[in-house]
């Protein structure tokens, strides 16, 4: 579904684009959190098996992954919101209206 270069998207189309963008950000944050926690568990289990200290390293790494995951989540969401604000506030010239955002 493509919008001709000389027309702006309808309000419903803008809301749909915003919703899809927010869903993409949420899924990215969720996947990143899952990867960090699974990584912490696997590395912790490996260290516990190596040093025969079950569950010490696993618990330390899982609890340490929580603030790391929250900090990365905050950074990703702020960056996405900043990009959305920049794109929403940027005036479109005639030469930019038909271009794809990913092509820049």
Protein backbone atom coordinates (compact mmCIF):
# COMPACT_ATOMS: atom_id res chain seq x y z
CA UNK A 1 0.00 0.00 0.00
CA UNK A 2 1.85 3.01 -1.26
CA UNK A 3 0.92 6.65 -0.88
CA UNK A 4 1.44 8.82 -3.96
CA UNK A 5 4.24 11.41 -3.54
CA UNK A 6 1.91 14.40 -3.76
CA UNK A 7 -0.46 13.24 -0.98
CA UNK A 8 0.10 13.01 2.75
CA UNK A 9 -1.15 9.93 4.60
CA UNK A 10 -4.62 10.04 6.13
CA UNK A 11 -4.91 10.32 9.94
CA UNK A 12 -5.86 6.63 10.18
CA UNK A 13 -2.79 5.73 8.13
CA UNK A 14 -0.56 7.83 10.42
CA UNK A 15 -2.00 6.13 13.51
CA UNK A 16 -1.46 2.71 11.92
CA UNK A 17 2.17 3.56 11.15
CA UNK A 18 2.69 4.80 14.72
CA UNK A 19 1.13 1.63 16.16
CA UNK A 20 3.32 -0.60 14.00
CA UNK A 21 6.41 1.36 15.02
CA UNK A 22 5.55 1.04 18.71
CA UNK A 23 4.92 -2.68 18.30
CA UNK A 24 8.32 -3.03 16.63
CA UNK A 25 10.05 -1.20 19.47
CA UNK A 26 8.26 -3.32 22.07
CA UNK A 27 9.22 -6.56 20.34
CA UNK A 28 12.85 -5.43 20.02
CA UNK A 29 13.02 -4.59 23.71
CA UNK A 30 11.41 -7.91 24.64
CA UNK A 31 13.80 -9.93 22.51
CA UNK A 32 16.82 -8.06 23.86
CA UNK A 33 15.69 -8.66 27.45
CA UNK A 34 15.19 -12.35 26.75
CA UNK A 35 18.63 -12.68 25.14
CA UNK A 36 20.34 -10.93 28.07
CA UNK A 37 18.65 -13.09 30.71
CA UNK A 38 19.17 -16.36 28.83
CA UNK A 39 22.81 -15.40 28.29
CA UNK A 40 23.24 -14.67 32.00
CA UNK A 41 21.71 -18.02 32.94
CA UNK A 42 23.83 -20.00 30.48
CA UNK A 43 27.08 -18.25 31.43
CA UNK A 44 26.21 -18.62 35.12
CA UNK A 45 25.53 -22.34 34.74
CA UNK A 46 28.79 -22.78 32.84
CA UNK A 47 30.77 -20.90 35.52
CA UNK A 48 29.05 -22.87 38.30
CA UNK A 49 29.91 -26.16 36.61
CA UNK A 50 33.50 -25.02 36.02
CA UNK A 51 34.12 -23.86 39.60
CA UNK A 52 31.75 -26.33 41.31
CA UNK A 53 29.83 -23.53 43.00
CA UNK A 54 26.24 -24.24 42.03
CA UNK A 55 24.05 -21.76 42.04
CA UNK A 56 26.31 -18.87 43.09
CA UNK A 57 27.40 -17.51 39.69
CA UNK A 58 24.02 -18.16 38.10
CA UNK A 59 22.19 -16.11 40.70
CA UNK A 60 24.77 -13.30 40.61
CA UNK A 61 24.61 -13.02 36.83
CA UNK A 62 20.80 -13.22 36.68
CA UNK A 63 20.43 -10.48 39.30
CA UNK A 64 23.10 -8.40 37.54
CA UNK A 65 21.30 -8.81 34.20
CA UNK A 66 18.15 -7.12 35.52
CA UNK A 67 19.52 -3.55 35.78
CA UNK A 68 21.52 -4.05 32.57
CA UNK A 69 18.35 -5.10 30.78
CA UNK A 70 16.41 -2.13 32.18
CA UNK A 71 19.14 0.33 31.19
CA UNK A 72 19.31 -1.03 27.62
CA UNK A 73 15.52 -0.96 27.42
CA UNK A 74 15.53 2.71 28.45
CA UNK A 75 18.20 3.56 25.86
CA UNK A 76 16.37 1.74 23.04
CA UNK A 77 13.01 3.34 23.81
CA UNK A 78 14.51 6.83 24.10
CA UNK A 79 16.28 6.41 20.76
CA UNK A 80 13.11 5.17 19.07
CA UNK A 81 11.00 8.01 20.48
CA UNK A 82 13.64 10.53 19.43
CA UNK A 83 13.60 9.16 15.88
CA UNK A 84 9.81 9.26 15.78
CA UNK A 85 9.74 12.88 17.00
CA UNK A 86 12.41 13.89 14.50
CA UNK A 87 10.54 12.27 11.63
CA UNK A 88 7.20 13.73 12.74
CA UNK A 89 8.58 17.27 13.07
CA UNK A 90 10.77 17.26 9.97
CA UNK A 91 9.26 19.35 7.19
CA UNK A 92 8.93 17.41 3.96
CA UNK A 93 10.13 19.09 0.84
CA UNK A 94 8.90 18.08 -2.60
CA UNK A 95 12.09 16.11 -3.24
CA UNK A 96 11.81 14.09 0.00
CA UNK A 97 8.14 13.15 -0.10
CA UNK A 98 8.54 10.11 -2.31
CA UNK A 99 11.72 8.78 -0.73
CA UNK A 100 11.91 5.80 1.56
CA UNK A 101 13.17 6.44 5.11
CA UNK A 102 15.48 3.42 4.97
CA UNK A 103 17.13 4.68 1.77
CA UNK A 104 18.80 7.66 3.43
